[in-house]
PDB file of N, CA and C in Angstrom:
ATOM      1  N   MET A   1      -2.025  -4.007  45.005  1.00  0.00           N
ATOM      2  CA  MET A   1      -0.761  -4.325  44.379  1.00  0.00           C
ATOM      3  C   MET A   1      -0.890  -4.118  42.859  1.00  0.00           C
ATOM      4  N   ALA A   2       0.260  -3.368  42.498  1.00  0.00           N
ATOM      5  CA  ALA A   2       0.198  -3.014  40.920  1.00  0.00           C
ATOM      6  C   ALA A   2       0.942  -4.186  40.191  1.00  0.00           C
ATOM      7  N   LEU A   3       0.238  -4.577  39.076  1.00  0.00           N
ATOM      8  CA  LEU A   3       0.678  -5.537  38.034  1.00  0.00           C
ATOM      9  C   LEU A   3       0.814  -5.140  36.643  1.00  0.00           C
ATOM     10  N   SER A   4       1.646  -5.544  35.901  1.00  0.00           N
ATOM     11  CA  SER A   4       1.988  -5.412  34.493  1.00  0.00           C
ATOM     12  C   SER A   4       1.039  -6.282  33.659  1.00  0.00           C
ATOM     13  N   ARG A   5       0.146  -6.016  32.974  1.00  0.00           N
ATOM     14  CA  ARG A   5      -0.592  -6.639  31.845  1.00  0.00           C
ATOM     15  C   ARG A   5      -0.740  -5.841  30.802  1.00  0.00           C
ATOM     16  N   CYS A   6      -0.832  -6.516  29.410  1.00  0.00           N
ATOM     17  CA  CYS A   6      -1.289  -5.742  28.421  1.00  0.00           C
ATOM     18  C   CYS A   6      -2.683  -5.322  28.283  1.00  0.00           C
ATOM     19  N   LEU A   7      -2.959  -4.826  27.030  1.00  0.00           N
ATOM     20  CA  LEU A   7      -4.534  -4.385  26.900  1.00  0.00           C
ATOM     21  C   LEU A   7      -5.112  -5.266  26.085  1.00  0.00           C
ATOM     22  N   LYS A   8      -4.632  -6.672  25.937  1.00  0.00           N
ATOM     23  CA  LYS A   8      -5.435  -7.619  25.279  1.00  0.00           C
ATOM     24  C   LYS A   8      -6.510  -8.297  26.024  1.00  0.00           C
ATOM     25  N   PRO A   9      -7.398  -9.116  25.610  1.00  0.00           N
ATOM     26  CA  PRO A   9      -8.562  -9.612  26.243  1.00  0.00           C
ATOM     27  C   PRO A   9      -8.290 -10.234  27.702  1.00  0.00           C
ATOM     28  N   HIS A  10      -7.051 -10.733  27.997  1.00  0.00           N
ATOM     29  CA  HIS A  10      -6.666 -11.392  29.282  1.00  0.00           C
ATOM     30  C   HIS A  10      -6.562 -10.207  30.330  1.00  0.00           C
ATOM     31  N   SER A  11      -6.767  -8.858  30.108  1.00  0.00           N
ATOM     32  CA  SER A  11      -6.635  -7.926  31.113  1.00  0.00           C
ATOM     33  C   SER A  11      -7.853  -7.134  31.329  1.00  0.00           C
ATOM     34  N   PRO A  12      -7.981  -6.525  32.300  1.00  0.00           N
ATOM     35  CA  PRO A  12      -7.310  -6.412  33.421  1.00  0.00           C
ATOM     36  C   PRO A  12      -7.230  -7.548  34.233  1.00  0.00           C
ATOM     37  N   PRO A  13      -6.091  -7.675  35.256  1.00  0.00           N
ATOM     38  CA  PRO A  13      -6.181  -8.891  35.851  1.00  0.00           C
ATOM     39  C   PRO A  13      -7.495  -9.192  36.802  1.00  0.00           C
ATOM     40  N   ARG A  14      -7.850 -10.296  37.290  1.00  0.00           N
ATOM     41  CA  ARG A  14      -9.097 -10.465  37.795  1.00  0.00           C
ATOM     42  C   ARG A  14      -8.911 -10.969  39.270  1.00  0.00           C
ATOM     43  N   SER A  15      -7.653 -10.960  39.739  1.00  0.00           N
ATOM     44  CA  SER A  15      -7.446 -11.329  41.192  1.00  0.00           C
ATOM     45  C   SER A  15      -7.737  -9.927  42.107  1.00  0.00           C
ATOM     46  N   ASN A  16      -7.602  -8.880  41.827  1.00  0.00           N
ATOM     47  CA  ASN A  16      -8.094  -7.730  42.595  1.00  0.00           C
ATOM     48  C   ASN A  16      -8.932  -6.755  41.713  1.00  0.00           C
ATOM     49  N   ARG A  17      -9.358  -5.770  42.454  1.00  0.00           N
ATOM     50  CA  ARG A  17     -10.364  -4.935  41.915  1.00  0.00           C
ATOM     51  C   ARG A  17      -9.414  -3.523  41.160  1.00  0.00           C
ATOM     52  N   TYR A  18      -9.072  -4.053  40.016  1.00  0.00           N
ATOM     53  CA  TYR A  18      -8.220  -2.836  39.455  1.00  0.00           C
ATOM     54  C   TYR A  18      -9.314  -2.080  38.713  1.00  0.00           C
ATOM     55  N   THR A  19      -9.033  -0.695  38.947  1.00  0.00           N
ATOM     56  CA  THR A  19     -10.034   0.315  38.245  1.00  0.00           C
ATOM     57  C   THR A  19      -9.222   1.149  37.454  1.00  0.00           C
ATOM     58  N   ALA A  20      -8.047   1.260  37.164  1.00  0.00           N
ATOM     59  CA  ALA A  20      -7.394   2.230  36.147  1.00  0.00           C
ATOM     60  C   ALA A  20      -6.114   1.428  35.903  1.00  0.00           C
ATOM     61  N   TYR A  21      -5.412   2.026  34.747  1.00  0.00           N
ATOM     62  CA  TYR A  21      -4.067   1.736  34.612  1.00  0.00           C
ATOM     63  C   TYR A  21      -3.260   3.007  34.212  1.00  0.00           C
ATOM     64  N   ALA A  22      -1.866   2.704  34.367  1.00  0.00           N
ATOM     65  CA  ALA A  22      -1.249   4.016  34.044  1.00  0.00           C
ATOM     66  C   ALA A  22       0.040   3.649  33.114  1.00  0.00           C
ATOM     67  N   LEU A  23       0.447   4.392  32.304  1.00  0.00           N
ATOM     68  CA  LEU A  23       1.460   3.881  31.212  1.00  0.00           C
ATOM     69  C   LEU A  23       2.954   3.899  31.898  1.00  0.00           C
ATOM     70  N   PRO A  24       3.728   2.815  31.853  1.00  0.00           N
ATOM     71  CA  PRO A  24       5.009   2.942  32.356  1.00  0.00           C
ATOM     72  C   PRO A  24       5.791   3.833  31.488  1.00  0.00           C
ATOM     73  N   VAL A  25       6.891   4.481  32.210  1.00  0.00           N
ATOM     74  CA  VAL A  25       7.783   5.356  31.378  1.00  0.00           C
ATOM     75  C   VAL A  25       8.159   4.723  30.142  1.00  0.00           C
ATOM     76  N   GLY A  26       8.085   5.484  29.159  1.00  0.00           N
ATOM     77  CA  GLY A  26       8.638   5.173  27.770  1.00  0.00           C
ATOM     78  C   GLY A  26       7.781   4.271  27.016  1.00  0.00           C
ATOM     79  N   TYR A  27       6.509   3.913  27.483  1.00  0.00           N
ATOM     80  CA  TYR A  27       5.540   3.226  26.836  1.00  0.00           C
ATOM     81  C   TYR A  27       5.210   3.859  25.413  1.00  0.00           C
ATOM     82  N   PRO A  28       5.232   3.042  24.328  1.00  0.00           N
ATOM     83  CA  PRO A  28       5.155   1.498  24.291  1.00  0.00           C
ATOM     84  C   PRO A  28       6.797   0.870  24.014  1.00  0.00           C
ATOM     85  N   ASN A  29       7.762   1.725  24.177  1.00  0.00           N
ATOM     86  CA  ASN A  29       9.005   1.164  24.029  1.00  0.00           C
ATOM     87  C   ASN A  29       9.682   0.967  25.451  1.00  0.00           C
ATOM     88  N   SER A  30       8.895   0.667  26.458  1.00  0.00           N
ATOM     89  CA  SER A  30       9.413   0.398  27.612  1.00  0.00           C
ATOM     90  C   SER A  30       9.979  -0.939  27.953  1.00  0.00           C
ATOM     91  N   SER A  31      10.475  -1.468  29.016  1.00  0.00           N
ATOM     92  CA  SER A  31      10.847  -2.918  29.139  1.00  0.00           C
ATOM     93  C   SER A  31       9.665  -3.501  29.959  1.00  0.00           C
ATOM     94  N   THR A  32       8.492  -2.951  30.106  1.00  0.00           N
ATOM     95  CA  THR A  32       7.505  -3.662  30.994  1.00  0.00           C
ATOM     96  C   THR A  32       6.899  -4.465  29.983  1.00  0.00           C
ATOM     97  N   ILE A  33       6.787  -5.730  30.100  1.00  0.00           N
ATOM     98  CA  ILE A  33       6.000  -6.665  29.333  1.00  0.00           C
ATOM     99  C   ILE A  33       5.022  -7.439  30.244  1.00  0.00           C
ATOM    100  N   CYS A  34       3.908  -7.664  29.828  1.00  0.00           N
ATOM    101  CA  CYS A  34       2.702  -8.247  30.179  1.00  0.00           C
ATOM    102  C   CYS A  34       3.215  -9.529  31.071  1.00  0.00           C
ATOM    103  N   GLY A  35       2.657  -9.602  32.396  1.00  0.00           N
ATOM    104  CA  GLY A  35       2.890 -10.480  33.090  1.00  0.00           C
ATOM    105  C   GLY A  35       2.314 -11.975  33.089  1.00  0.00           C
ATOM    106  N   ILE A  36       1.665 -12.330  32.009  1.00  0.00           N
ATOM    107  CA  ILE A  36       0.888 -13.512  31.572  1.00  0.00           C
ATOM    108  C   ILE A  36       2.130 -14.347  30.882  1.00  0.00           C
ATOM    109  N   SER A  37       2.488 -15.444  31.425  1.00  0.00           N
ATOM    110  CA  SER A  37       3.744 -16.239  31.087  1.00  0.00           C
ATOM    111  C   SER A  37       3.777 -16.504  29.465  1.00  0.00           C
ATOM    112  N   THR A  38       2.641 -16.591  28.720  1.00  0.00           N
ATOM    113  CA  THR A  38       2.344 -16.796  27.297  1.00  0.00           C
ATOM    114  C   THR A  38       2.355 -15.594  26.455  1.00  0.00           C
ATOM    115  N   CYS A  39       2.405 -14.354  26.966  1.00  0.00           N
ATOM    116  CA  CYS A  39       2.332 -12.989  26.361  1.00  0.00           C
ATOM    117  C   CYS A  39       3.639 -12.505  26.431  1.00  0.00           C
ATOM    118  N   THR A  40       4.027 -11.838  25.111  1.00  0.00           N
ATOM    119  CA  THR A  40       5.119 -11.046  25.044  1.00  0.00           C
ATOM    120  C   THR A  40       4.934  -9.492  24.775  1.00  0.00           C
ATOM    121  N   ASN A  41       3.486  -9.042  24.806  1.00  0.00           N
ATOM    122  CA  ASN A  41       3.018  -7.768  24.493  1.00  0.00           C
ATOM    123  C   ASN A  41       3.510  -6.637  25.429  1.00  0.00           C
ATOM    124  N   GLN A  42       3.681  -5.445  25.209  1.00  0.00           N
ATOM    125  CA  GLN A  42       4.023  -4.452  25.979  1.00  0.00           C
ATOM    126  C   GLN A  42       3.091  -4.276  27.198  1.00  0.00           C
ATOM    127  N   GLY A  43       3.308  -4.103  28.455  1.00  0.00           N
ATOM    128  CA  GLY A  43       2.184  -3.981  29.599  1.00  0.00           C
ATOM    129  C   GLY A  43       2.203  -2.659  29.931  1.00  0.00           C
ATOM    130  N   VAL A  44       1.046  -2.443  30.443  1.00  0.00           N
ATOM    131  CA  VAL A  44       0.767  -1.417  31.290  1.00  0.00           C
ATOM    132  C   VAL A  44       0.524  -1.452  32.540  1.00  0.00           C
ATOM    133  N   ILE A  45       0.572  -0.563  33.565  1.00  0.00           N
ATOM    134  CA  ILE A  45       0.400  -0.878  35.063  1.00  0.00           C
ATOM    135  C   ILE A  45      -0.897  -0.774  35.502  1.00  0.00           C
ATOM    136  N   TRP A  46      -1.526  -1.804  36.046  1.00  0.00           N
ATOM    137  CA  TRP A  46      -3.065  -1.855  36.409  1.00  0.00           C
ATOM    138  C   TRP A  46      -2.790  -1.346  38.054  1.00  0.00           C
ATOM    139  N   LEU A  47      -3.868  -0.637  38.426  1.00  0.00           N
ATOM    140  CA  LEU A  47      -3.692   0.089  39.735  1.00  0.00           C
ATOM    141  C   LEU A  47      -5.043  -0.291  40.329  1.00  0.00           C
ATOM    142  N   ASP A  48      -5.123  -0.561  41.664  1.00  0.00           N
ATOM    143  CA  ASP A  48      -6.399  -0.605  42.409  1.00  0.00           C
ATOM    144  C   ASP A  48      -6.732   0.880  42.909  1.00  0.00           C
ATOM    145  N   ASP A  49      -7.949   0.909  43.652  1.00  0.00           N
ATOM    146  CA  ASP A  49      -8.405   2.170  44.054  1.00  0.00           C
ATOM    147  C   ASP A  49      -7.380   2.763  45.084  1.00  0.00           C
ATOM    148  N   HIS A  50      -6.851   2.205  45.925  1.00  0.00           N
ATOM    149  CA  HIS A  50      -5.658   2.999  46.704  1.00  0.00           C
ATOM    150  C   HIS A  50      -4.520   3.459  45.807  1.00  0.00           C
ATOM    151  N   GLU A  51      -4.156   2.604  44.889  1.00  0.00           N
ATOM    152  CA  GLU A  51      -2.682   3.126  44.152  1.00  0.00           C
ATOM    153  C   GLU A  51      -3.374   3.911  43.316  1.00  0.00           C
ATOM    154  N   SER A  52      -4.424   4.192  42.688  1.00  0.00           N
ATOM    155  CA  SER A  52      -4.978   5.227  41.806  1.00  0.00           C
ATOM    156  C   SER A  52      -5.055   6.365  42.533  1.00  0.00           C
ATOM    157  N   ALA A  53      -5.432   6.408  43.856  1.00  0.00           N
ATOM    158  CA  ALA A  53      -5.411   7.712  44.746  1.00  0.00           C
ATOM    159  C   ALA A  53      -3.981   8.248  44.829  1.00  0.00           C
ATOM    160  N   ALA A  54      -3.014   7.030  45.197  1.00  0.00           N
ATOM    161  CA  ALA A  54      -1.643   7.614  45.439  1.00  0.00           C
ATOM    162  C   ALA A  54      -1.008   8.240  44.065  1.00  0.00           C
ATOM    163  N   TYR A  55      -1.422   7.624  43.048  1.00  0.00           N
ATOM    164  CA  TYR A  55      -1.056   8.247  41.425  1.00  0.00           C
ATOM    165  C   TYR A  55      -1.557   9.568  41.582  1.00  0.00           C
ATOM    166  N   LEU A  56      -2.781   9.969  41.935  1.00  0.00           N
ATOM    167  CA  LEU A  56      -3.327  11.297  41.918  1.00  0.00           C
ATOM    168  C   LEU A  56      -2.641  12.170  42.832  1.00  0.00           C
ATOM    169  N   ASN A  57      -2.212  11.667  43.821  1.00  0.00           N
ATOM    170  CA  ASN A  57      -1.339  12.470  44.900  1.00  0.00           C
ATOM    171  C   ASN A  57       0.057  12.715  44.508  1.00  0.00           C
ATOM    172  N   GLY A  58       0.571  12.304  43.277  1.00  0.00           N
ATOM    173  CA  GLY A  58       1.891  12.300  42.882  1.00  0.00           C
ATOM    174  C   GLY A  58       2.762  11.211  42.852  1.00  0.00           C
ATOM    175  N   GLN A  59       2.418   9.982  43.414  1.00  0.00           N
ATOM    176  CA  GLN A  59       3.247   8.787  43.479  1.00  0.00           C
ATOM    177  C   GLN A  59       3.206   8.252  42.160  1.00  0.00           C
ATOM    178  N   ARG A  60       4.776   7.945  41.621  1.00  0.00           N
ATOM    179  CA  ARG A  60       4.862   7.402  40.369  1.00  0.00           C
ATOM    180  C   ARG A  60       5.745   6.160  40.284  1.00  0.00           C
ATOM    181  N   ILE A  61       6.176   5.739  41.507  1.00  0.00           N
ATOM    182  CA  ILE A  61       6.759   4.370  41.701  1.00  0.00           C
ATOM    183  C   ILE A  61       5.880   3.391  42.384  1.00  0.00           C
ATOM    184  N   PHE A  62       5.551   2.323  41.788  1.00  0.00           N
ATOM    185  CA  PHE A  62       4.626   1.218  42.661  1.00  0.00           C
ATOM    186  C   PHE A  62       5.347  -0.040  42.555  1.00  0.00           C
ATOM    187  N   PRO A  63       5.065  -0.693  44.045  1.00  0.00           N
ATOM    188  CA  PRO A  63       5.724  -2.021  44.087  1.00  0.00           C
ATOM    189  C   PRO A  63       4.867  -3.078  43.352  1.00  0.00           C
ATOM    190  N   GLY A  64       5.561  -4.120  43.157  1.00  0.00           N
ATOM    191  CA  GLY A  64       4.888  -5.318  42.564  1.00  0.00           C
ATOM    192  C   GLY A  64       4.261  -6.113  43.561  1.00  0.00           C
ATOM    193  N   PRO A  65       3.911  -7.253  43.183  1.00  0.00           N
ATOM    194  CA  PRO A  65       3.082  -8.169  44.133  1.00  0.00           C
ATOM    195  C   PRO A  65       3.819  -8.850  45.267  1.00  0.00           C
ATOM    196  N   ASN A  66       5.226  -8.756  45.236  1.00  0.00           N
ATOM    197  CA  ASN A  66       5.896  -9.207  46.443  1.00  0.00           C
ATOM    198  C   ASN A  66       7.196  -8.458  46.503  1.00  0.00           C
ATOM    199  N   ASN A  67       7.724  -8.860  47.610  1.00  0.00           N
ATOM    200  CA  ASN A  67       9.058  -7.970  47.895  1.00  0.00           C
ATOM    201  C   ASN A  67      10.121  -8.541  46.879  1.00  0.00           C
ATOM    202  N   ASN A  68      10.182  -9.487  46.152  1.00  0.00           N
ATOM    203  CA  ASN A  68      11.138  -9.915  45.254  1.00  0.00           C
ATOM    204  C   ASN A  68      10.773  -9.340  43.837  1.00  0.00           C
ATOM    205  N   PHE A  69       9.904  -8.529  43.558  1.00  0.00           N
ATOM    206  CA  PHE A  69       9.415  -8.177  42.378  1.00  0.00           C
ATOM    207  C   PHE A  69      10.013  -6.613  42.225  1.00  0.00           C
ATOM    208  N   THR A  70      10.410  -6.459  40.889  1.00  0.00           N
ATOM    209  CA  THR A  70      10.948  -5.238  40.586  1.00  0.00           C
ATOM    210  C   THR A  70       9.776  -3.972  40.647  1.00  0.00           C
ATOM    211  N   LYS A  71      10.164  -2.880  41.375  1.00  0.00           N
ATOM    212  CA  LYS A  71       9.073  -1.938  41.495  1.00  0.00           C
ATOM    213  C   LYS A  71       8.973  -1.128  39.984  1.00  0.00           C
ATOM    214  N   MET A  72       7.796  -0.622  39.711  1.00  0.00           N
ATOM    215  CA  MET A  72       7.573  -0.226  38.333  1.00  0.00           C
ATOM    216  C   MET A  72       7.321   1.224  38.510  1.00  0.00           C
ATOM    217  N   ARG A  73       7.929   2.191  37.464  1.00  0.00           N
ATOM    218  CA  ARG A  73       7.764   3.437  37.489  1.00  0.00           C
ATOM    219  C   ARG A  73       6.924   3.787  36.275  1.00  0.00           C
ATOM    220  N   VAL A  74       5.683   4.783  36.691  1.00  0.00           N
ATOM    221  CA  VAL A  74       4.759   5.206  35.579  1.00  0.00           C
ATOM    222  C   VAL A  74       5.155   6.759  35.101  1.00  0.00           C
ATOM    223  N   ASP A  75       4.375   6.935  34.096  1.00  0.00           N
ATOM    224  CA  ASP A  75       4.667   8.408  33.469  1.00  0.00           C
ATOM    225  C   ASP A  75       3.595   9.488  34.015  1.00  0.00           C
ATOM    226  N   ASP A  76       3.532  10.583  33.644  1.00  0.00           N
ATOM    227  CA  ASP A  76       2.613  11.549  33.906  1.00  0.00           C
ATOM    228  C   ASP A  76       1.491  11.797  33.236  1.00  0.00           C
ATOM    229  N   SER A  77       1.361  10.859  32.273  1.00  0.00           N
ATOM    230  CA  SER A  77       0.180  11.093  31.388  1.00  0.00           C
ATOM    231  C   SER A  77      -1.422  10.822  31.874  1.00  0.00           C
ATOM    232  N   GLY A  78      -1.367  10.421  33.045  1.00  0.00           N
ATOM    233  CA  GLY A  78      -2.707  10.237  33.722  1.00  0.00           C
ATOM    234  C   GLY A  78      -3.012   8.933  33.647  1.00  0.00           C
ATOM    235  N   LEU A  79      -4.099   8.816  34.624  1.00  0.00           N
ATOM    236  CA  LEU A  79      -4.903   7.484  34.593  1.00  0.00           C
ATOM    237  C   LEU A  79      -5.870   7.171  33.616  1.00  0.00           C
ATOM    238  N   LYS A  80      -5.694   6.029  33.246  1.00  0.00           N
ATOM    239  CA  LYS A  80      -6.734   5.516  32.108  1.00  0.00           C
ATOM    240  C   LYS A  80      -7.879   4.722  32.982  1.00  0.00           C
ATOM    241  N   ILE A  81      -8.817   5.371  32.924  1.00  0.00           N
ATOM    242  CA  ILE A  81     -10.105   4.515  33.931  1.00  0.00           C
ATOM    243  C   ILE A  81     -10.678   3.510  33.156  1.00  0.00           C
ATOM    244  N   ILE A  82     -11.099   2.280  33.826  1.00  0.00           N
ATOM    245  CA  ILE A  82     -11.573   1.108  32.901  1.00  0.00           C
ATOM    246  C   ILE A  82     -13.265   1.169  33.289  1.00  0.00           C
TER     247      ILE A  82
END
């Protein structure tokens, strides 16, 4: 499940094994904000192994943690491996 978190020390999220992140379209001037409730920094999209493989196969839209979450579109600048 893709999540938005900024690049501050509370990132990457610890609930899953995130291995890379991608930049949302328009970063750093996108509307994607860190998902930590007290943080207002620009967010990047953290991806797990499955989502990273999907990115490498051309997928650019990723769902969030549940069905009520807005989908996130990432750009073509490549994965940033952590």
